[in-house]
Amino acid sequence: MELSCKNEYALLALIELAANYSSGEPLQIRQISAQQQIPDRYLEQLLATLRRCGLVRSQRGAKGGYILAREPWKINLLEVMTCLDGSDAQPLEKNSSPKTVEGTIICEIWQEAHEAANAVLQRYTLQDLCEKRDARQQLDIMYYI
């Protein structure tokens, strides 16, 4: 299982929105883009997808932008990945049945790996990512003293 550029950029944008959640103010695309070095046009497409999935809300107007649709501790990473990759992103299609014993074994192991990855992604929330980032930044500061 690989982290795609699309997934990484979406998570970076969501971390920004989660970090800003308590202020109640929406973030504009250019703010998120500048903070996380994500191309504006690509970020616009990602946020539109996340909005369609109900993970973010958009607000129009002079002080418009994007805000999380729910609290950061209520959005897990599996939801984000499912939104971006589709709910039917399975390691192997269920309709295709393996023709050999070896093929069956491989399919079973791939399914087990897929389920384990999903369990990890379901365990972590956007809040967890923010807390890990903050802890890492504190460690980095300690090294410069």
N, C-alpha and C. Protein backbone atom coordinates (compact mmCIF):
# COMPACT_ATOMS: atom_id res chain seq x y z
N MET A 1 0.85 -1.18 0.00
CA MET A 1 0.00 0.00 0.00
C MET A 1 0.89 1.24 0.00
N GLU A 2 0.66 2.10 -0.98
CA GLU A 2 1.46 3.30 -1.14
C GLU A 2 0.63 4.54 -0.87
N LEU A 3 1.28 5.57 -0.33
CA LEU A 3 0.61 6.85 -0.10
C LEU A 3 0.72 7.65 -1.39
N SER A 4 -0.41 7.89 -2.03
CA SER A 4 -0.39 8.64 -3.29
C SER A 4 -0.21 10.13 -3.00
N CYS A 5 0.21 10.85 -4.01
CA CYS A 5 0.37 12.30 -3.90
C CYS A 5 -0.97 12.94 -3.55
N LYS A 6 -2.03 12.45 -4.17
CA LYS A 6 -3.37 12.97 -3.92
C LYS A 6 -3.74 12.81 -2.44
N ASN A 7 -3.50 11.62 -1.89
CA ASN A 7 -3.82 11.37 -0.48
C ASN A 7 -2.97 12.23 0.45
N GLU A 8 -1.69 12.35 0.12
CA GLU A 8 -0.79 13.15 0.96
C GLU A 8 -1.23 14.61 0.97
N TYR A 9 -1.49 15.18 -0.19
CA TYR A 9 -1.92 16.58 -0.27
C TYR A 9 -3.24 16.79 0.46
N ALA A 10 -4.17 15.85 0.31
CA ALA A 10 -5.46 15.98 0.99
C ALA A 10 -5.26 15.96 2.51
N LEU A 11 -4.42 15.07 2.99
CA LEU A 11 -4.17 15.00 4.44
C LEU A 11 -3.46 16.26 4.94
N LEU A 12 -2.53 16.79 4.17
CA LEU A 12 -1.85 18.03 4.56
C LEU A 12 -2.87 19.18 4.66
N ALA A 13 -3.77 19.27 3.70
CA ALA A 13 -4.80 20.31 3.73
C ALA A 13 -5.72 20.11 4.93
N LEU A 14 -6.09 18.87 5.20
CA LEU A 14 -6.98 18.59 6.33
C LEU A 14 -6.31 18.87 7.66
N ILE A 15 -5.00 18.65 7.75
CA ILE A 15 -4.28 18.99 8.98
C ILE A 15 -4.35 20.50 9.22
N GLU A 16 -4.19 21.28 8.16
CA GLU A 16 -4.31 22.74 8.29
C GLU A 16 -5.70 23.13 8.77
N LEU A 17 -6.71 22.52 8.18
CA LEU A 17 -8.08 22.83 8.58
C LEU A 17 -8.35 22.36 10.01
N ALA A 18 -7.80 21.22 10.40
CA ALA A 18 -7.98 20.71 11.76
C ALA A 18 -7.28 21.61 12.78
N ALA A 19 -6.10 22.09 12.45
CA ALA A 19 -5.35 22.97 13.35
C ALA A 19 -6.08 24.30 13.53
N ASN A 20 -6.82 24.71 12.52
CA ASN A 20 -7.54 25.98 12.55
C ASN A 20 -8.99 25.83 13.03
N TYR A 21 -9.42 24.61 13.29
CA TYR A 21 -10.82 24.32 13.58
C TYR A 21 -11.37 25.11 14.77
N SER A 22 -10.59 25.21 15.83
CA SER A 22 -11.07 25.87 17.05
C SER A 22 -11.37 27.36 16.84
N SER A 23 -10.74 27.99 15.85
CA SER A 23 -11.00 29.41 15.61
C SER A 23 -12.37 29.63 14.98
N GLY A 24 -12.89 28.62 14.31
CA GLY A 24 -14.18 28.74 13.65
C GLY A 24 -14.14 29.51 12.34
N GLU A 25 -12.96 30.00 11.97
CA GLU A 25 -12.79 30.78 10.74
C GLU A 25 -12.38 29.86 9.60
N PRO A 26 -13.00 30.02 8.44
CA PRO A 26 -12.58 29.21 7.29
C PRO A 26 -11.22 29.64 6.76
N LEU A 27 -10.51 28.69 6.16
CA LEU A 27 -9.23 28.99 5.52
C LEU A 27 -9.43 29.04 4.02
N GLN A 28 -8.78 30.00 3.40
CA GLN A 28 -8.86 30.10 1.95
C GLN A 28 -7.84 29.16 1.31
N ILE A 29 -8.12 28.81 0.07
CA ILE A 29 -7.25 27.88 -0.65
C ILE A 29 -5.82 28.42 -0.68
N ARG A 30 -5.66 29.70 -0.93
CA ARG A 30 -4.31 30.25 -1.03
C ARG A 30 -3.56 30.17 0.30
N GLN A 31 -4.27 30.25 1.42
CA GLN A 31 -3.63 30.12 2.74
C GLN A 31 -3.11 28.69 2.94
N ILE A 32 -3.97 27.72 2.65
CA ILE A 32 -3.59 26.31 2.80
C ILE A 32 -2.46 25.98 1.84
N SER A 33 -2.59 26.45 0.61
CA SER A 33 -1.60 26.20 -0.43
C SER A 33 -0.23 26.74 -0.03
N ALA A 34 -0.20 27.97 0.50
CA ALA A 34 1.06 28.59 0.89
C ALA A 34 1.69 27.86 2.08
N GLN A 35 0.86 27.46 3.03
CA GLN A 35 1.37 26.81 4.24
C GLN A 35 1.93 25.41 3.94
N GLN A 36 1.29 24.68 3.04
CA GLN A 36 1.66 23.29 2.79
C GLN A 36 2.31 23.05 1.42
N GLN A 37 2.56 24.10 0.66
CA GLN A 37 3.16 23.99 -0.67
C GLN A 37 2.40 23.02 -1.57
N ILE A 38 1.09 23.24 -1.66
CA ILE A 38 0.23 22.45 -2.54
C ILE A 38 -0.22 23.36 -3.67
N PRO A 39 -0.11 22.93 -4.92
CA PRO A 39 -0.58 23.76 -6.04
C PRO A 39 -2.05 24.14 -5.88
N ASP A 40 -2.37 25.41 -6.09
CA ASP A 40 -3.73 25.93 -5.89
C ASP A 40 -4.79 25.13 -6.63
N ARG A 41 -4.57 24.92 -7.91
CA ARG A 41 -5.56 24.24 -8.75
C ARG A 41 -5.83 22.82 -8.28
N TYR A 42 -4.77 22.14 -7.89
CA TYR A 42 -4.91 20.77 -7.42
C TYR A 42 -5.65 20.75 -6.09
N LEU A 43 -5.30 21.67 -5.21
CA LEU A 43 -5.95 21.78 -3.91
C LEU A 43 -7.44 22.06 -4.07
N GLU A 44 -7.76 22.90 -5.02
CA GLU A 44 -9.17 23.23 -5.31
C GLU A 44 -9.95 21.96 -5.65
N GLN A 45 -9.38 21.11 -6.48
CA GLN A 45 -10.03 19.85 -6.86
C GLN A 45 -10.18 18.91 -5.67
N LEU A 46 -9.11 18.82 -4.86
CA LEU A 46 -9.16 17.94 -3.68
C LEU A 46 -10.22 18.39 -2.69
N LEU A 47 -10.27 19.69 -2.43
CA LEU A 47 -11.25 20.20 -1.48
C LEU A 47 -12.68 20.02 -1.99
N ALA A 48 -12.86 20.12 -3.29
CA ALA A 48 -14.19 19.87 -3.87
C ALA A 48 -14.60 18.41 -3.64
N THR A 49 -13.67 17.50 -3.82
CA THR A 49 -13.96 16.08 -3.57
C THR A 49 -14.27 15.85 -2.09
N LEU A 50 -13.47 16.44 -1.20
CA LEU A 50 -13.70 16.28 0.23
C LEU A 50 -15.03 16.90 0.65
N ARG A 51 -15.43 17.98 -0.02
CA ARG A 51 -16.72 18.62 0.26
C ARG A 51 -17.87 17.69 -0.15
N ARG A 52 -17.75 17.08 -1.33
CA ARG A 52 -18.80 16.16 -1.80
C ARG A 52 -18.96 14.98 -0.85
N CYS A 53 -17.89 14.59 -0.19
CA CYS A 53 -17.94 13.46 0.76
C CYS A 53 -18.41 13.91 2.15
N GLY A 54 -18.58 15.19 2.34
CA GLY A 54 -19.05 15.69 3.63
C GLY A 54 -17.97 15.83 4.68
N LEU A 55 -16.71 15.88 4.27
CA LEU A 55 -15.62 16.04 5.23
C LEU A 55 -15.28 17.50 5.48
N VAL A 56 -15.50 18.36 4.49
CA VAL A 56 -15.28 19.80 4.65
C VAL A 56 -16.52 20.54 4.15
N ARG A 57 -16.65 21.77 4.60
CA ARG A 57 -17.71 22.66 4.13
C ARG A 57 -17.06 23.87 3.51
N SER A 58 -17.72 24.45 2.52
CA SER A 58 -17.20 25.68 1.93
C SER A 58 -18.11 26.82 2.32
N GLN A 59 -17.49 27.99 2.44
CA GLN A 59 -18.23 29.20 2.80
C GLN A 59 -17.89 30.26 1.77
N ARG A 60 -18.91 30.85 1.20
CA ARG A 60 -18.70 31.88 0.17
C ARG A 60 -18.53 33.24 0.81
N GLY A 61 -18.04 34.17 0.01
CA GLY A 61 -17.94 35.55 0.46
C GLY A 61 -16.52 35.99 0.69
N ALA A 62 -16.40 37.26 1.13
CA ALA A 62 -15.08 37.86 1.34
C ALA A 62 -14.28 37.10 2.39
N LYS A 63 -14.92 36.61 3.41
CA LYS A 63 -14.23 35.85 4.46
C LYS A 63 -14.51 34.36 4.30
N GLY A 64 -14.73 33.96 3.06
CA GLY A 64 -15.05 32.57 2.77
C GLY A 64 -13.83 31.69 2.74
N GLY A 65 -14.08 30.43 2.52
CA GLY A 65 -13.01 29.44 2.46
C GLY A 65 -13.55 28.08 2.84
N TYR A 66 -12.70 27.26 3.42
CA TYR A 66 -13.08 25.91 3.80
C TYR A 66 -12.87 25.69 5.29
N ILE A 67 -13.74 24.86 5.85
CA ILE A 67 -13.68 24.49 7.26
C ILE A 67 -14.08 23.02 7.36
N LEU A 68 -13.60 22.32 8.37
CA LEU A 68 -14.00 20.92 8.55
C LEU A 68 -15.50 20.85 8.81
N ALA A 69 -16.13 19.83 8.28
CA ALA A 69 -17.57 19.64 8.48
C ALA A 69 -17.88 19.06 9.86
N ARG A 70 -16.90 18.37 10.45
CA ARG A 70 -17.06 17.80 11.79
C ARG A 70 -15.80 18.08 12.60
N GLU A 71 -15.85 17.76 13.87
CA GLU A 71 -14.69 17.95 14.73
C GLU A 71 -13.54 17.06 14.24
N PRO A 72 -12.29 17.54 14.38
CA PRO A 72 -11.13 16.76 13.88
C PRO A 72 -10.99 15.40 14.54
N TRP A 73 -11.47 15.23 15.75
CA TRP A 73 -11.37 13.95 16.43
C TRP A 73 -12.46 12.99 15.98
N LYS A 74 -13.36 13.44 15.12
CA LYS A 74 -14.42 12.58 14.60
C LYS A 74 -14.22 12.20 13.13
N ILE A 75 -13.10 12.61 12.56
CA ILE A 75 -12.80 12.25 11.16
C ILE A 75 -11.56 11.37 11.17
N ASN A 76 -11.74 10.09 10.81
CA ASN A 76 -10.58 9.20 10.79
C ASN A 76 -9.99 9.13 9.38
N LEU A 77 -8.77 8.66 9.32
CA LEU A 77 -8.03 8.64 8.06
C LEU A 77 -8.64 7.67 7.04
N LEU A 78 -9.29 6.63 7.52
CA LEU A 78 -9.93 5.69 6.59
C LEU A 78 -11.05 6.40 5.82
N GLU A 79 -11.80 7.27 6.49
CA GLU A 79 -12.84 8.05 5.81
C GLU A 79 -12.25 8.89 4.69
N VAL A 80 -11.12 9.51 4.98
CA VAL A 80 -10.46 10.37 3.99
C VAL A 80 -10.01 9.54 2.80
N MET A 81 -9.36 8.41 3.06
CA MET A 81 -8.86 7.56 1.98
C MET A 81 -10.02 7.00 1.16
N THR A 82 -11.10 6.60 1.82
CA THR A 82 -12.27 6.07 1.13
C THR A 82 -12.89 7.14 0.24
N CYS A 83 -12.93 8.37 0.75
CA CYS A 83 -13.46 9.49 -0.03
C CYS A 83 -12.64 9.71 -1.29
N LEU A 84 -11.34 9.70 -1.16
CA LEU A 84 -10.46 10.00 -2.29
C LEU A 84 -10.30 8.85 -3.27
N ASP A 85 -10.24 7.63 -2.75
CA ASP A 85 -9.97 6.47 -3.60
C ASP A 85 -11.21 5.68 -3.97
N GLY A 86 -12.34 5.98 -3.34
CA GLY A 86 -13.57 5.25 -3.60
C GLY A 86 -13.73 4.12 -2.60
N SER A 87 -14.97 3.81 -2.31
CA SER A 87 -15.27 2.80 -1.29
C SER A 87 -14.93 1.39 -1.75
N ASP A 88 -14.83 1.20 -3.05
CA ASP A 88 -14.57 -0.15 -3.55
C ASP A 88 -13.10 -0.36 -3.91
N ALA A 89 -12.21 0.41 -3.29
CA ALA A 89 -10.78 0.23 -3.56
C ALA A 89 -10.28 -1.00 -2.80
N GLN A 90 -10.41 -2.15 -3.42
CA GLN A 90 -10.01 -3.42 -2.83
C GLN A 90 -8.70 -3.86 -3.46
N PRO A 91 -7.88 -4.63 -2.73
CA PRO A 91 -6.63 -5.08 -3.29
C PRO A 91 -6.84 -5.97 -4.52
N LEU A 92 -7.82 -6.84 -4.48
CA LEU A 92 -8.15 -7.68 -5.62
C LEU A 92 -9.67 -7.71 -5.75
N GLU A 93 -10.15 -7.78 -6.94
CA GLU A 93 -11.60 -7.82 -7.15
C GLU A 93 -12.18 -9.10 -6.57
N LYS A 94 -13.34 -8.95 -5.91
CA LYS A 94 -13.97 -10.12 -5.31
C LYS A 94 -14.59 -11.03 -6.37
N ASN A 95 -14.94 -10.46 -7.51
CA ASN A 95 -15.58 -11.24 -8.56
C ASN A 95 -14.61 -12.20 -9.24
N SER A 96 -13.34 -11.85 -9.28
CA SER A 96 -12.37 -12.71 -9.96
C SER A 96 -11.89 -13.78 -8.98
N SER A 97 -12.25 -15.01 -9.25
CA SER A 97 -11.85 -16.09 -8.36
C SER A 97 -10.53 -16.68 -8.86
N PRO A 98 -9.58 -16.90 -7.92
CA PRO A 98 -8.30 -17.47 -8.31
C PRO A 98 -8.48 -18.87 -8.90
N LYS A 99 -7.64 -19.21 -9.84
CA LYS A 99 -7.76 -20.49 -10.52
C LYS A 99 -6.88 -21.58 -9.88
N THR A 100 -5.98 -21.19 -8.99
CA THR A 100 -5.08 -22.18 -8.38
C THR A 100 -5.08 -22.01 -6.87
N VAL A 101 -4.52 -23.00 -6.19
CA VAL A 101 -4.37 -22.93 -4.74
C VAL A 101 -3.46 -21.77 -4.38
N GLU A 102 -2.38 -21.60 -5.15
CA GLU A 102 -1.44 -20.51 -4.90
C GLU A 102 -2.12 -19.16 -5.05
N GLY A 103 -2.96 -19.04 -6.07
CA GLY A 103 -3.70 -17.80 -6.28
C GLY A 103 -4.64 -17.50 -5.12
N THR A 104 -5.27 -18.53 -4.59
CA THR A 104 -6.16 -18.37 -3.43
C THR A 104 -5.38 -17.88 -2.22
N ILE A 105 -4.22 -18.45 -1.99
CA ILE A 105 -3.38 -18.06 -0.86
C ILE A 105 -2.95 -16.60 -0.99
N ILE A 106 -2.54 -16.21 -2.18
CA ILE A 106 -2.12 -14.82 -2.42
C ILE A 106 -3.28 -13.87 -2.17
N CYS A 107 -4.47 -14.22 -2.67
CA CYS A 107 -5.65 -13.37 -2.46
C CYS A 107 -5.97 -13.22 -0.98
N GLU A 108 -5.89 -14.32 -0.23
CA GLU A 108 -6.17 -14.28 1.21
C GLU A 108 -5.18 -13.37 1.94
N ILE A 109 -3.91 -13.47 1.60
CA ILE A 109 -2.89 -12.64 2.25
C ILE A 109 -3.09 -11.18 1.90
N TRP A 110 -3.40 -10.89 0.62
CA TRP A 110 -3.63 -9.50 0.21
C TRP A 110 -4.85 -8.93 0.93
N GLN A 111 -5.88 -9.74 1.09
CA GLN A 111 -7.08 -9.29 1.81
C GLN A 111 -6.74 -9.00 3.27
N GLU A 112 -5.94 -9.85 3.89
CA GLU A 112 -5.52 -9.65 5.28
C GLU A 112 -4.72 -8.35 5.42
N ALA A 113 -3.81 -8.11 4.48
CA ALA A 113 -3.01 -6.88 4.50
C ALA A 113 -3.91 -5.65 4.34
N HIS A 114 -4.88 -5.74 3.45
CA HIS A 114 -5.82 -4.64 3.22
C HIS A 114 -6.62 -4.35 4.49
N GLU A 115 -7.10 -5.38 5.16
CA GLU A 115 -7.87 -5.21 6.39
C GLU A 115 -7.00 -4.61 7.51
N ALA A 116 -5.74 -5.03 7.59
CA ALA A 116 -4.83 -4.49 8.61
C ALA A 116 -4.57 -3.01 8.35
N ALA A 117 -4.35 -2.65 7.09
CA ALA A 117 -4.13 -1.24 6.74
C ALA A 117 -5.37 -0.40 7.09
N ASN A 118 -6.55 -0.92 6.77
CA ASN A 118 -7.78 -0.20 7.10
C ASN A 118 -7.95 -0.03 8.61
N ALA A 119 -7.57 -1.03 9.38
CA ALA A 119 -7.69 -0.94 10.83
C ALA A 119 -6.80 0.18 11.38
N VAL A 120 -5.59 0.30 10.84
CA VAL A 120 -4.68 1.36 11.27
C VAL A 120 -5.25 2.73 10.88
N LEU A 121 -5.71 2.87 9.65
CA LEU A 121 -6.26 4.15 9.19
C LEU A 121 -7.50 4.54 9.97
N GLN A 122 -8.28 3.55 10.38
CA GLN A 122 -9.50 3.84 11.15
C GLN A 122 -9.17 4.28 12.58
N ARG A 123 -8.03 3.84 13.08
CA ARG A 123 -7.63 4.15 14.45
C ARG A 123 -7.18 5.60 14.61
N TYR A 124 -6.64 6.22 13.57
CA TYR A 124 -6.11 7.57 13.66
C TYR A 124 -7.09 8.60 13.10
N THR A 125 -7.18 9.74 13.81
CA THR A 125 -8.05 10.84 13.39
C THR A 125 -7.19 12.04 12.98
N LEU A 126 -7.85 13.05 12.43
CA LEU A 126 -7.14 14.29 12.09
C LEU A 126 -6.56 14.92 13.35
N GLN A 127 -7.26 14.80 14.46
CA GLN A 127 -6.76 15.33 15.74
C GLN A 127 -5.45 14.64 16.12
N ASP A 128 -5.38 13.34 15.92
CA ASP A 128 -4.15 12.60 16.21
C ASP A 128 -2.99 13.11 15.36
N LEU A 129 -3.24 13.38 14.08
CA LEU A 129 -2.19 13.91 13.21
C LEU A 129 -1.69 15.26 13.71
N CYS A 130 -2.62 16.12 14.12
CA CYS A 130 -2.23 17.44 14.64
C CYS A 130 -1.39 17.29 15.91
N GLU A 131 -1.80 16.40 16.79
CA GLU A 131 -1.06 16.19 18.04
C GLU A 131 0.34 15.63 17.77
N LYS A 132 0.45 14.70 16.83
CA LYS A 132 1.76 14.16 16.48
C LYS A 132 2.65 15.24 15.86
N ARG A 133 2.06 16.08 15.02
CA ARG A 133 2.82 17.18 14.42
C ARG A 133 3.32 18.14 15.50
N ASP A 134 2.45 18.50 16.42
CA ASP A 134 2.84 19.42 17.50
C ASP A 134 3.94 18.83 18.37
N ALA A 135 3.83 17.55 18.68
CA ALA A 135 4.86 16.89 19.49
C ALA A 135 6.19 16.87 18.75
N ARG A 136 6.16 16.60 17.45
CA ARG A 136 7.38 16.56 16.65
C ARG A 136 8.01 17.95 16.57
N GLN A 137 7.17 18.98 16.42
CA GLN A 137 7.69 20.35 16.37
C GLN A 137 8.33 20.73 17.70
N GLN A 138 7.76 20.27 18.80
CA GLN A 138 8.35 20.54 20.12
C GLN A 138 9.72 19.89 20.23
N LEU A 139 9.85 18.66 19.73
CA LEU A 139 11.15 17.99 19.75
C LEU A 139 12.17 18.74 18.92
N ASP A 140 11.75 19.23 17.76
CA ASP A 140 12.66 19.99 16.89
C ASP A 140 13.13 21.25 17.57
N ILE A 141 12.25 21.91 18.29
CA ILE A 141 12.61 23.14 19.01
C ILE A 141 13.64 22.83 20.10
N MET A 142 13.46 21.70 20.76
CA MET A 142 14.36 21.31 21.85
C MET A 142 15.79 21.13 21.35
N TYR A 143 15.97 20.68 20.12
CA TYR A 143 17.30 20.45 19.59
C TYR A 143 18.05 21.76 19.34
N TYR A 144 17.33 22.86 19.14
CA TYR A 144 17.96 24.12 18.82
C TYR A 144 18.33 24.94 20.05
N ILE A 145 17.94 24.50 21.22
CA ILE A 145 18.22 25.27 22.44
C ILE A 145 19.68 25.19 22.81
